[in-house]
């Protein structure tokens, strides 16, 4: 198990340029932030990393690419609820993978 805590890595996007993101996590679960601390998730429908919103403790895409102006009122360093993280880790461990 290899943990990455605050390391900046470069990621490809299907429909956009490569982006640098700060990573927190391991092979079972990871959270991604812009270099200025805004949480992002990969939106597979758009093929882009987008700013994340928290809905019922879970990340959802805002639909706003991190190359655009971030949504008003967005807070930095968002984290999913513990039960959401645990469910995603269990799903991945059982072979369900993560999109």
Protein backbone atom coordinates (compact mmCIF):
# COMPACT_ATOMS: atom_id res chain seq x y z
CA UNK A 1 0.00 0.00 0.00
CA UNK A 2 1.39 3.35 -1.01
CA UNK A 3 -0.07 6.50 0.44
CA UNK A 4 0.20 9.84 -1.32
CA UNK A 5 -0.29 12.79 0.97
CA UNK A 6 -0.14 16.18 -0.69
CA UNK A 7 1.96 15.21 -3.69
CA UNK A 8 1.31 17.11 -6.92
CA UNK A 9 0.87 14.83 -9.94
CA UNK A 10 -0.10 15.41 -13.56
CA UNK A 11 -3.29 13.83 -14.93
CA UNK A 12 -4.64 13.48 -18.44
CA UNK A 13 -8.19 14.46 -19.38
CA UNK A 14 -10.14 13.01 -22.27
CA UNK A 15 -11.40 16.41 -23.45
CA UNK A 16 -8.88 18.86 -22.09
CA UNK A 17 -5.25 19.55 -21.36
CA UNK A 18 -3.22 17.71 -18.75
CA UNK A 19 -3.77 19.13 -15.26
CA UNK A 20 -1.69 19.22 -12.08
CA UNK A 21 -3.56 18.06 -8.99
CA UNK A 22 -2.62 17.55 -5.36
CA UNK A 23 -3.41 13.97 -4.30
CA UNK A 24 -4.40 12.60 -0.90
CA UNK A 25 -4.98 8.86 -0.64
CA UNK A 26 -3.85 5.45 -1.78
CA UNK A 27 -4.76 2.78 -4.34
CA UNK A 28 -8.12 2.20 -2.59
CA UNK A 29 -9.36 5.78 -2.28
CA UNK A 30 -7.98 9.17 -3.22
CA UNK A 31 -9.10 12.78 -3.12
CA UNK A 32 -7.84 15.37 -5.62
CA UNK A 33 -7.46 19.12 -5.22
CA UNK A 34 -6.32 22.00 -7.36
CA UNK A 35 -3.06 23.58 -6.26
CA UNK A 36 -5.09 26.27 -4.45
CA UNK A 37 -7.07 23.69 -2.45
CA UNK A 38 -10.36 23.21 -4.32
CA UNK A 39 -11.55 19.61 -4.46
CA UNK A 40 -12.14 18.17 -7.94
CA UNK A 41 -13.47 14.91 -9.35
CA UNK A 42 -13.26 13.44 -12.81
CA UNK A 43 -16.55 13.90 -14.66
CA UNK A 44 -16.63 10.96 -17.08
CA UNK A 45 -19.57 12.42 -19.02
CA UNK A 46 -17.54 15.56 -19.78
CA UNK A 47 -14.12 13.91 -19.92
CA UNK A 48 -12.77 16.62 -17.61
CA UNK A 49 -11.83 17.22 -14.00
CA UNK A 50 -14.53 19.44 -12.51
CA UNK A 51 -14.95 21.22 -9.22
CA UNK A 52 -16.62 18.94 -6.69
CA UNK A 53 -19.73 19.68 -4.67
CA UNK A 54 -20.80 17.77 -1.56
CA UNK A 55 -24.30 16.31 -1.76
CA UNK A 56 -25.38 14.12 1.14
CA UNK A 57 -21.72 13.65 2.07
CA UNK A 58 -20.66 12.49 -1.39
CA UNK A 59 -18.75 14.26 -4.13
CA UNK A 60 -20.71 15.15 -7.25
CA UNK A 61 -19.47 17.05 -10.25
CA UNK A 62 -20.42 20.70 -10.49
CA UNK A 63 -20.06 20.35 -14.25
CA UNK A 64 -17.59 23.25 -14.14
CA UNK A 65 -14.14 22.36 -15.46
CA UNK A 66 -11.24 23.34 -13.24
CA UNK A 67 -9.99 25.44 -16.16
CA UNK A 68 -13.06 27.69 -15.71
CA UNK A 69 -13.96 30.05 -12.88
CA UNK A 70 -14.97 28.00 -9.85
CA UNK A 71 -18.58 28.05 -8.65
CA UNK A 72 -19.44 30.89 -6.26
CA UNK A 73 -19.23 30.01 -2.58
CA UNK A 74 -17.21 26.85 -3.13
CA UNK A 75 -15.15 25.89 -0.08
CA UNK A 76 -11.65 24.46 -0.08
CA UNK A 77 -10.54 21.01 1.08
CA UNK A 78 -13.90 19.26 0.85
CA UNK A 79 -14.00 15.66 2.10
CA UNK A 80 -16.57 12.94 1.65
CA UNK A 81 -18.34 11.52 4.69
CA UNK A 82 -16.66 8.54 6.35
CA UNK A 83 -19.45 6.14 5.35
CA UNK A 84 -19.17 7.23 1.71
CA UNK A 85 -15.40 6.67 1.70
CA UNK A 86 -15.79 3.26 3.34
CA UNK A 87 -18.45 2.19 0.82
CA UNK A 88 -16.23 3.23 -2.11
CA UNK A 89 -13.24 1.38 -0.64
CA UNK A 90 -15.33 -1.77 -0.10
CA UNK A 91 -16.73 -1.58 -3.63
CA UNK A 92 -13.27 -1.28 -5.09
CA UNK A 93 -11.93 -4.13 -2.92
CA UNK A 94 -14.75 -6.40 -4.13
CA UNK A 95 -13.80 -5.78 -7.75
CA UNK A 96 -16.43 -3.14 -8.40
CA UNK A 97 -13.82 -0.58 -9.30
CA UNK A 98 -14.35 3.15 -9.31
CA UNK A 99 -15.29 5.19 -12.34
